[in-house]
Amino acid sequence: MKIISTNIGNPTTITWKGEQQKTGIYKYPTGNHIHLESENVLNDTVSDREFHGGIYMACYLFSADYYPYWKNKYPHLSWDWGECLEKILL
């Protein structure tokens, strides 16, 4: 198993259902290692702690093998590493 990309997100304000909300959903490659802590990834934004972050939910891994499927299904998206919200891409 090989790590292809490590990704984090900055706080971003979006409009969702007519309301302004902060999110960390938009991940981008760091080009470096990430620091995993027990409840989060250092320097990654988690806005909704009820469902994200915390023990057993601090880091989402995803396989690059699935990217071609999603690229084919949604070709209008950019599909850079991190597009599937993963913090570690294998």
PDB file of N, CA and C in Angstrom:
ATOM      1  N   MET A   1       0.850  -1.171   0.000  1.00  0.00           N
ATOM      2  CA  MET A   1       0.000   0.000   0.000  1.00  0.00           C
ATOM      3  C   MET A   1       0.899   1.238   0.000  1.00  0.00           C
ATOM      4  N   LYS A   2       0.551   2.204  -0.836  1.00  0.00           N
ATOM      5  CA  LYS A   2       1.361   3.409  -0.974  1.00  0.00           C
ATOM      6  C   LYS A   2       0.482   4.646  -0.809  1.00  0.00           C
ATOM      7  N   ILE A   3       0.971   5.621  -0.066  1.00  0.00           N
ATOM      8  CA  ILE A   3       0.251   6.890   0.062  1.00  0.00           C
ATOM      9  C   ILE A   3       0.547   7.727  -1.178  1.00  0.00           C
ATOM     10  N   ILE A   4      -0.502   8.106  -1.895  1.00  0.00           N
ATOM     11  CA  ILE A   4      -0.382   8.903  -3.114  1.00  0.00           C
ATOM     12  C   ILE A   4      -0.469  10.389  -2.803  1.00  0.00           C
ATOM     13  N   SER A   5      -1.369  10.741  -1.881  1.00  0.00           N
ATOM     14  CA  SER A   5      -1.579  12.152  -1.576  1.00  0.00           C
ATOM     15  C   SER A   5      -2.092  12.306  -0.152  1.00  0.00           C
ATOM     16  N   THR A   6      -1.638  13.356   0.516  1.00  0.00           N
ATOM     17  CA  THR A   6      -2.206  13.745   1.805  1.00  0.00           C
ATOM     18  C   THR A   6      -2.886  15.093   1.592  1.00  0.00           C
ATOM     19  N   ASN A   7      -4.097  15.240   2.126  1.00  0.00           N
ATOM     20  CA  ASN A   7      -4.932  16.398   1.796  1.00  0.00           C
ATOM     21  C   ASN A   7      -5.534  17.022   3.049  1.00  0.00           C
ATOM     22  N   ILE A   8      -5.649  18.331   3.030  1.00  0.00           N
ATOM     23  CA  ILE A   8      -6.327  19.062   4.101  1.00  0.00           C
ATOM     24  C   ILE A   8      -7.220  20.122   3.467  1.00  0.00           C
ATOM     25  N   GLY A   9      -8.057  20.741   4.278  1.00  0.00           N
ATOM     26  CA  GLY A   9      -8.939  21.794   3.780  1.00  0.00           C
ATOM     27  C   GLY A   9      -8.879  23.029   4.654  1.00  0.00           C
ATOM     28  N   ASN A  10      -9.023  24.172   4.031  1.00  0.00           N
ATOM     29  CA  ASN A  10      -9.108  25.452   4.738  1.00  0.00           C
ATOM     30  C   ASN A  10     -10.572  25.804   4.956  1.00  0.00           C
ATOM     31  N   PRO A  11     -10.872  26.659   5.933  1.00  0.00           N
ATOM     32  CA  PRO A  11     -12.259  27.083   6.111  1.00  0.00           C
ATOM     33  C   PRO A  11     -12.741  27.864   4.886  1.00  0.00           C
ATOM     34  N   THR A  12     -13.897  27.486   4.393  1.00  0.00           N
ATOM     35  CA  THR A  12     -14.507  28.129   3.230  1.00  0.00           C
ATOM     36  C   THR A  12     -15.957  28.430   3.562  1.00  0.00           C
ATOM     37  N   THR A  13     -16.430  29.605   3.215  1.00  0.00           N
ATOM     38  CA  THR A  13     -17.836  29.952   3.425  1.00  0.00           C
ATOM     39  C   THR A  13     -18.602  29.660   2.144  1.00  0.00           C
ATOM     40  N   ILE A  14     -19.689  28.903   2.289  1.00  0.00           N
ATOM     41  CA  ILE A  14     -20.551  28.567   1.156  1.00  0.00           C
ATOM     42  C   ILE A  14     -21.987  28.944   1.493  1.00  0.00           C
ATOM     43  N   THR A  15     -22.826  28.995   0.485  1.00  0.00           N
ATOM     44  CA  THR A  15     -24.260  29.169   0.703  1.00  0.00           C
ATOM     45  C   THR A  15     -24.912  27.808   0.538  1.00  0.00           C
ATOM     46  N   TRP A  16     -25.583  27.343   1.587  1.00  0.00           N
ATOM     47  CA  TRP A  16     -26.254  26.047   1.581  1.00  0.00           C
ATOM     48  C   TRP A  16     -27.688  26.240   2.063  1.00  0.00           C
ATOM     49  N   LYS A  17     -28.616  25.909   1.200  1.00  0.00           N
ATOM     50  CA  LYS A  17     -30.042  26.069   1.512  1.00  0.00           C
ATOM     51  C   LYS A  17     -30.351  27.499   1.943  1.00  0.00           C
ATOM     52  N   GLY A  18     -29.738  28.461   1.233  1.00  0.00           N
ATOM     53  CA  GLY A  18     -30.008  29.870   1.480  1.00  0.00           C
ATOM     54  C   GLY A  18     -29.279  30.473   2.666  1.00  0.00           C
ATOM     55  N   GLU A  19     -28.429  29.703   3.336  1.00  0.00           N
ATOM     56  CA  GLU A  19     -27.706  30.206   4.508  1.00  0.00           C
ATOM     57  C   GLU A  19     -26.201  30.111   4.293  1.00  0.00           C
ATOM     58  N   GLN A  20     -25.468  31.079   4.854  1.00  0.00           N
ATOM     59  CA  GLN A  20     -24.011  31.057   4.817  1.00  0.00           C
ATOM     60  C   GLN A  20     -23.510  30.076   5.877  1.00  0.00           C
ATOM     61  N   GLN A  21     -22.626  29.162   5.465  1.00  0.00           N
ATOM     62  CA  GLN A  21     -22.058  28.191   6.391  1.00  0.00           C
ATOM     63  C   GLN A  21     -20.573  28.031   6.113  1.00  0.00           C
ATOM     64  N   LYS A  22     -19.812  27.760   7.181  1.00  0.00           N
ATOM     65  CA  LYS A  22     -18.387  27.472   7.019  1.00  0.00           C
ATOM     66  C   LYS A  22     -18.219  25.971   6.858  1.00  0.00           C
ATOM     67  N   THR A  23     -17.284  25.594   5.982  1.00  0.00           N
ATOM     68  CA  THR A  23     -17.017  24.187   5.743  1.00  0.00           C
ATOM     69  C   THR A  23     -15.525  23.970   5.515  1.00  0.00           C
ATOM     70  N   GLY A  24     -15.089  22.768   5.749  1.00  0.00           N
ATOM     71  CA  GLY A  24     -13.719  22.359   5.442  1.00  0.00           C
ATOM     72  C   GLY A  24     -13.717  21.239   4.421  1.00  0.00           C
ATOM     73  N   ILE A  25     -14.811  21.112   3.684  1.00  0.00           N
ATOM     74  CA  ILE A  25     -15.015  19.989   2.774  1.00  0.00           C
ATOM     75  C   ILE A  25     -14.084  20.001   1.567  1.00  0.00           C
ATOM     76  N   TYR A  26     -13.619  21.163   1.154  1.00  0.00           N
ATOM     77  CA  TYR A  26     -12.784  21.256  -0.047  1.00  0.00           C
ATOM     78  C   TYR A  26     -11.331  20.965   0.312  1.00  0.00           C
ATOM     79  N   LYS A  27     -10.904  19.743   0.033  1.00  0.00           N
ATOM     80  CA  LYS A  27      -9.550  19.295   0.367  1.00  0.00           C
ATOM     81  C   LYS A  27      -8.606  19.533  -0.807  1.00  0.00           C
ATOM     82  N   TYR A  28      -7.339  19.731  -0.504  1.00  0.00           N
ATOM     83  CA  TYR A  28      -6.317  19.911  -1.532  1.00  0.00           C
ATOM     84  C   TYR A  28      -5.038  19.211  -1.066  1.00  0.00           C
ATOM     85  N   PRO A  29      -4.216  18.747  -2.007  1.00  0.00           N
ATOM     86  CA  PRO A  29      -2.974  18.062  -1.644  1.00  0.00           C
ATOM     87  C   PRO A  29      -2.001  18.989  -0.917  1.00  0.00           C
ATOM     88  N   THR A  30      -1.370  18.457   0.124  1.00  0.00           N
ATOM     89  CA  THR A  30      -0.396  19.238   0.881  1.00  0.00           C
ATOM     90  C   THR A  30       0.999  19.141   0.277  1.00  0.00           C
ATOM     91  N   GLY A  31       1.273  18.056  -0.441  1.00  0.00           N
ATOM     92  CA  GLY A  31       2.624  17.834  -0.951  1.00  0.00           C
ATOM     93  C   GLY A  31       3.598  17.477   0.155  1.00  0.00           C
ATOM     94  N   ASN A  32       3.064  17.115   1.309  1.00  0.00           N
ATOM     95  CA  ASN A  32       3.887  16.839   2.479  1.00  0.00           C
ATOM     96  C   ASN A  32       3.170  15.825   3.360  1.00  0.00           C
ATOM     97  N   HIS A  33       3.747  15.529   4.504  1.00  0.00           N
ATOM     98  CA  HIS A  33       3.085  14.637   5.458  1.00  0.00           C
ATOM     99  C   HIS A  33       1.985  15.405   6.200  1.00  0.00           C
ATOM    100  N   ILE A  34       1.087  14.658   6.845  1.00  0.00           N
ATOM    101  CA  ILE A  34       0.092  15.275   7.727  1.00  0.00           C
ATOM    102  C   ILE A  34       0.276  14.691   9.120  1.00  0.00           C
ATOM    103  N   HIS A  35      -0.133  15.435  10.113  1.00  0.00           N
ATOM    104  CA  HIS A  35       0.003  15.013  11.502  1.00  0.00           C
ATOM    105  C   HIS A  35      -1.364  14.565  12.007  1.00  0.00           C
ATOM    106  N   LEU A  36      -1.499  13.257  12.242  1.00  0.00           N
ATOM    107  CA  LEU A  36      -2.754  12.713  12.762  1.00  0.00           C
ATOM    108  C   LEU A  36      -2.761  12.802  14.273  1.00  0.00           C
ATOM    109  N   GLU A  37      -3.809  13.392  14.812  1.00  0.00           N
ATOM    110  CA  GLU A  37      -4.018  13.425  16.251  1.00  0.00           C
ATOM    111  C   GLU A  37      -5.212  12.537  16.564  1.00  0.00           C
ATOM    112  N   SER A  38      -5.524  12.334  17.816  1.00  0.00           N
ATOM    113  CA  SER A  38      -6.599  11.401  18.172  1.00  0.00           C
ATOM    114  C   SER A  38      -7.975  11.851  17.690  1.00  0.00           C
ATOM    115  N   GLU A  39      -8.185  13.152  17.534  1.00  0.00           N
ATOM    116  CA  GLU A  39      -9.510  13.628  17.139  1.00  0.00           C
ATOM    117  C   GLU A  39      -9.521  14.483  15.879  1.00  0.00           C
ATOM    118  N   ASN A  40      -8.359  14.711  15.281  1.00  0.00           N
ATOM    119  CA  ASN A  40      -8.337  15.504  14.052  1.00  0.00           C
ATOM    120  C   ASN A  40      -7.000  15.363  13.343  1.00  0.00           C
ATOM    121  N   VAL A  41      -6.902  15.995  12.193  1.00  0.00           N
ATOM    122  CA  VAL A  41      -5.653  16.109  11.445  1.00  0.00           C
ATOM    123  C   VAL A  41      -5.200  17.554  11.604  1.00  0.00           C
ATOM    124  N   LEU A  42      -3.990  17.741  12.071  1.00  0.00           N
ATOM    125  CA  LEU A  42      -3.466  19.083  12.317  1.00  0.00           C
ATOM    126  C   LEU A  42      -3.537  19.933  11.046  1.00  0.00           C
ATOM    127  N   ASN A  43      -4.005  21.149  11.183  1.00  0.00           N
ATOM    128  CA  ASN A  43      -4.151  22.137  10.098  1.00  0.00           C
ATOM    129  C   ASN A  43      -5.288  21.840   9.123  1.00  0.00           C
ATOM    130  N   ASP A  44      -6.126  20.862   9.409  1.00  0.00           N
ATOM    131  CA  ASP A  44      -7.302  20.593   8.579  1.00  0.00           C
ATOM    132  C   ASP A  44      -8.515  21.203   9.267  1.00  0.00           C
ATOM    133  N   THR A  45      -9.415  21.753   8.483  1.00  0.00           N
ATOM    134  CA  THR A  45     -10.621  22.374   9.030  1.00  0.00           C
ATOM    135  C   THR A  45     -11.747  21.360   9.133  1.00  0.00           C
ATOM    136  N   VAL A  46     -12.344  21.275  10.308  1.00  0.00           N
ATOM    137  CA  VAL A  46     -13.559  20.491  10.528  1.00  0.00           C
ATOM    138  C   VAL A  46     -14.578  21.450  11.117  1.00  0.00           C
ATOM    139  N   SER A  47     -15.650  21.695  10.381  1.00  0.00           N
ATOM    140  CA  SER A  47     -16.632  22.688  10.825  1.00  0.00           C
ATOM    141  C   SER A  47     -17.782  22.079  11.612  1.00  0.00           C
ATOM    142  N   ASP A  48     -18.186  20.869  11.274  1.00  0.00           N
ATOM    143  CA  ASP A  48     -19.330  20.231  11.927  1.00  0.00           C
ATOM    144  C   ASP A  48     -18.838  19.046  12.751  1.00  0.00           C
ATOM    145  N   ARG A  49     -18.478  19.302  13.982  1.00  0.00           N
ATOM    146  CA  ARG A  49     -17.912  18.267  14.849  1.00  0.00           C
ATOM    147  C   ARG A  49     -18.933  17.220  15.291  1.00  0.00           C
ATOM    148  N   GLU A  50     -20.207  17.453  15.038  1.00  0.00           N
ATOM    149  CA  GLU A  50     -21.200  16.434  15.388  1.00  0.00           C
ATOM    150  C   GLU A  50     -21.017  15.191  14.519  1.00  0.00           C
ATOM    151  N   PHE A  51     -20.664  15.384  13.260  1.00  0.00           N
ATOM    152  CA  PHE A  51     -20.560  14.265  12.326  1.00  0.00           C
ATOM    153  C   PHE A  51     -19.162  14.057  11.752  1.00  0.00           C
ATOM    154  N   HIS A  52     -18.232  14.967  12.015  1.00  0.00           N
ATOM    155  CA  HIS A  52     -16.890  14.881  11.434  1.00  0.00           C
ATOM    156  C   HIS A  52     -15.848  15.149  12.504  1.00  0.00           C
ATOM    157  N   GLY A  53     -14.685  14.545  12.338  1.00  0.00           N
ATOM    158  CA  GLY A  53     -13.631  14.697  13.327  1.00  0.00           C
ATOM    159  C   GLY A  53     -13.981  13.897  14.570  1.00  0.00           C
ATOM    160  N   GLY A  54     -13.134  13.930  15.542  1.00  0.00           N
ATOM    161  CA  GLY A  54     -13.366  13.185  16.767  1.00  0.00           C
ATOM    162  C   GLY A  54     -12.757  11.791  16.686  1.00  0.00           C
ATOM    163  N   ILE A  55     -12.820  11.082  17.792  1.00  0.00           N
ATOM    164  CA  ILE A  55     -12.276   9.729  17.861  1.00  0.00           C
ATOM    165  C   ILE A  55     -13.004   8.848  16.857  1.00  0.00           C
ATOM    166  N   TYR A  56     -12.258   8.055  16.112  1.00  0.00           N
ATOM    167  CA  TYR A  56     -12.742   7.145  15.059  1.00  0.00           C
ATOM    168  C   TYR A  56     -13.213   7.876  13.807  1.00  0.00           C
ATOM    169  N   MET A  57     -13.158   9.200  13.748  1.00  0.00           N
ATOM    170  CA  MET A  57     -13.591   9.931  12.557  1.00  0.00           C
ATOM    171  C   MET A  57     -12.597  11.030  12.175  1.00  0.00           C
ATOM    172  N   ALA A  58     -11.368  10.934  12.652  1.00  0.00           N
ATOM    173  CA  ALA A  58     -10.395  12.005  12.431  1.00  0.00           C
ATOM    174  C   ALA A  58      -9.797  11.992  11.031  1.00  0.00           C
ATOM    175  N   CYS A  59      -9.705  10.825  10.415  1.00  0.00           N
ATOM    176  CA  CYS A  59      -9.009  10.743   9.132  1.00  0.00           C
ATOM    177  C   CYS A  59      -9.736   9.794   8.187  1.00  0.00           C
ATOM    178  N   TYR A  60     -10.054  10.287   7.001  1.00  0.00           N
ATOM    179  CA  TYR A  60     -10.749   9.505   5.985  1.00  0.00           C
ATOM    180  C   TYR A  60      -9.747   9.098   4.914  1.00  0.00           C
ATOM    181  N   LEU A  61      -9.631   7.790   4.682  1.00  0.00           N
ATOM    182  CA  LEU A  61      -8.756   7.259   3.640  1.00  0.00           C
ATOM    183  C   LEU A  61      -9.602   6.854   2.450  1.00  0.00           C
ATOM    184  N   PHE A  62      -9.031   6.980   1.252  1.00  0.00           N
ATOM    185  CA  PHE A  62      -9.759   6.640   0.031  1.00  0.00           C
ATOM    186  C   PHE A  62      -8.775   6.038  -0.957  1.00  0.00           C
ATOM    187  N   SER A  63      -9.240   5.111  -1.770  1.00  0.00           N
ATOM    188  CA  SER A  63      -8.392   4.475  -2.769  1.00  0.00           C
ATOM    189  C   SER A  63      -8.453   5.223  -4.101  1.00  0.00           C
ATOM    190  N   ALA A  64      -7.292   5.481  -4.683  1.00  0.00           N
ATOM    191  CA  ALA A  64      -7.219   6.131  -5.997  1.00  0.00           C
ATOM    192  C   ALA A  64      -7.858   5.265  -7.075  1.00  0.00           C
ATOM    193  N   ASP A  65      -8.015   3.975  -6.812  1.00  0.00           N
ATOM    194  CA  ASP A  65      -8.642   3.064  -7.779  1.00  0.00           C
ATOM    195  C   ASP A  65     -10.065   3.478  -8.123  1.00  0.00           C
ATOM    196  N   TYR A  66     -10.719   4.229  -7.232  1.00  0.00           N
ATOM    197  CA  TYR A  66     -12.107   4.640  -7.464  1.00  0.00           C
ATOM    198  C   TYR A  66     -12.231   5.960  -8.229  1.00  0.00           C
ATOM    199  N   TYR A  67     -11.146   6.700  -8.357  1.00  0.00           N
ATOM    200  CA  TYR A  67     -11.209   7.985  -9.053  1.00  0.00           C
ATOM    201  C   TYR A  67     -11.697   7.870 -10.498  1.00  0.00           C
ATOM    202  N   PRO A  68     -11.245   6.886 -11.289  1.00  0.00           N
ATOM    203  CA  PRO A  68     -11.748   6.782 -12.669  1.00  0.00           C
ATOM    204  C   PRO A  68     -13.268   6.621 -12.743  1.00  0.00           C
ATOM    205  N   TYR A  69     -13.847   5.875 -11.816  1.00  0.00           N
ATOM    206  CA  TYR A  69     -15.307   5.713 -11.789  1.00  0.00           C
ATOM    207  C   TYR A  69     -15.991   7.066 -11.608  1.00  0.00           C
ATOM    208  N   TRP A  70     -15.532   7.837 -10.622  1.00  0.00           N
ATOM    209  CA  TRP A  70     -16.162   9.123 -10.336  1.00  0.00           C
ATOM    210  C   TRP A  70     -15.886  10.152 -11.425  1.00  0.00           C
ATOM    211  N   LYS A  71     -14.688  10.101 -12.026  1.00  0.00           N
ATOM    212  CA  LYS A  71     -14.377  11.001 -13.144  1.00  0.00           C
ATOM    213  C   LYS A  71     -15.315  10.746 -14.316  1.00  0.00           C
ATOM    214  N   ASN A  72     -15.588   9.482 -14.576  1.00  0.00           N
ATOM    215  CA  ASN A  72     -16.496   9.117 -15.663  1.00  0.00           C
ATOM    216  C   ASN A  72     -17.929   9.555 -15.356  1.00  0.00           C
ATOM    217  N   LYS A  73     -18.332   9.411 -14.110  1.00  0.00           N
ATOM    218  CA  LYS A  73     -19.701   9.752 -13.702  1.00  0.00           C
ATOM    219  C   LYS A  73     -19.936  11.267 -13.681  1.00  0.00           C
ATOM    220  N   TYR A  74     -18.928  12.029 -13.283  1.00  0.00           N
ATOM    221  CA  TYR A  74     -19.041  13.493 -13.175  1.00  0.00           C
ATOM    222  C   TYR A  74     -17.862  14.161 -13.893  1.00  0.00           C
ATOM    223  N   PRO A  75     -17.828  14.116 -15.225  1.00  0.00           N
ATOM    224  CA  PRO A  75     -16.673  14.625 -15.976  1.00  0.00           C
ATOM    225  C   PRO A  75     -16.490  16.144 -15.912  1.00  0.00           C
ATOM    226  N   HIS A  76     -17.506  16.879 -15.476  1.00  0.00           N
ATOM    227  CA  HIS A  76     -17.402  18.341 -15.403  1.00  0.00           C
ATOM    228  C   HIS A  76     -16.605  18.822 -14.186  1.00  0.00           C
ATOM    229  N   LEU A  77     -16.290  17.937 -13.242  1.00  0.00           N
ATOM    230  CA  LEU A  77     -15.505  18.314 -12.062  1.00  0.00           C
ATOM    231  C   LEU A  77     -14.012  18.169 -12.351  1.00  0.00           C
ATOM    232  N   SER A  78     -13.188  18.838 -11.581  1.00  0.00           N
ATOM    233  CA  SER A  78     -11.741  18.854 -11.836  1.00  0.00           C
ATOM    234  C   SER A  78     -11.050  17.537 -11.475  1.00  0.00           C
ATOM    235  N   TRP A  79     -11.466  16.879 -10.432  1.00  0.00           N
ATOM    236  CA  TRP A  79     -10.938  15.599  -9.961  1.00  0.00           C
ATOM    237  C   TRP A  79      -9.456  15.632  -9.628  1.00  0.00           C
ATOM    238  N   ASP A  80      -9.050  16.662  -8.920  1.00  0.00           N
ATOM    239  CA  ASP A  80      -7.718  16.675  -8.331  1.00  0.00           C
ATOM    240  C   ASP A  80      -7.752  15.769  -7.106  1.00  0.00           C
ATOM    241  N   TRP A  81      -6.580  15.328  -6.648  1.00  0.00           N
ATOM    242  CA  TRP A  81      -6.551  14.531  -5.421  1.00  0.00           C
ATOM    243  C   TRP A  81      -7.179  15.345  -4.291  1.00  0.00           C
ATOM    244  N   GLY A  82      -7.994  14.707  -3.486  1.00  0.00           N
ATOM    245  CA  GLY A  82      -8.720  15.371  -2.407  1.00  0.00           C
ATOM    246  C   GLY A  82     -10.173  15.625  -2.763  1.00  0.00           C
ATOM    247  N   GLU A  83     -10.525  15.457  -4.031  1.00  0.00           N
ATOM    248  CA  GLU A  83     -11.889  15.721  -4.504  1.00  0.00           C
ATOM    249  C   GLU A  83     -12.920  14.811  -3.829  1.00  0.00           C
ATOM    250  N   CYS A  84     -12.486  13.618  -3.401  1.00  0.00           N
ATOM    251  CA  CYS A  84     -13.408  12.689  -2.723  1.00  0.00           C
ATOM    252  C   CYS A  84     -13.389  12.899  -1.212  1.00  0.00           C
ATOM    253  N   LEU A  85     -12.871  14.041  -0.787  1.00  0.00           N
ATOM    254  CA  LEU A  85     -12.875  14.494   0.610  1.00  0.00           C
ATOM    255  C   LEU A  85     -11.883  13.765   1.502  1.00  0.00           C
ATOM    256  N   GLU A  86     -11.053  12.920   0.903  1.00  0.00           N
ATOM    257  CA  GLU A  86     -10.115  12.124   1.687  1.00  0.00           C
ATOM    258  C   GLU A  86      -8.971  12.968   2.227  1.00  0.00           C
ATOM    259  N   LYS A  87      -8.466  12.539   3.372  1.00  0.00           N
ATOM    260  CA  LYS A  87      -7.274  13.172   3.929  1.00  0.00           C
ATOM    261  C   LYS A  87      -6.031  12.386   3.531  1.00  0.00           C
ATOM    262  N   ILE A  88      -6.214  11.090   3.277  1.00  0.00           N
ATOM    263  CA  ILE A  88      -5.121  10.263   2.771  1.00  0.00           C
ATOM    264  C   ILE A  88      -5.638   9.477   1.578  1.00  0.00           C
ATOM    265  N   LEU A  89      -4.931   9.569   0.458  1.00  0.00           N
ATOM    266  CA  LEU A  89      -5.289   8.835  -0.752  1.00  0.00           C
ATOM    267  C   LEU A  89      -4.275   7.722  -0.941  1.00  0.00           C
ATOM    268  N   LEU A  90      -4.795   6.499  -1.071  1.00  0.00           N
ATOM    269  CA  LEU A  90      -3.924   5.323  -1.245  1.00  0.00           C
ATOM    270  C   LEU A  90      -3.992   4.817  -2.661  1.00  0.00           C
TER     271      LEU A  90
END
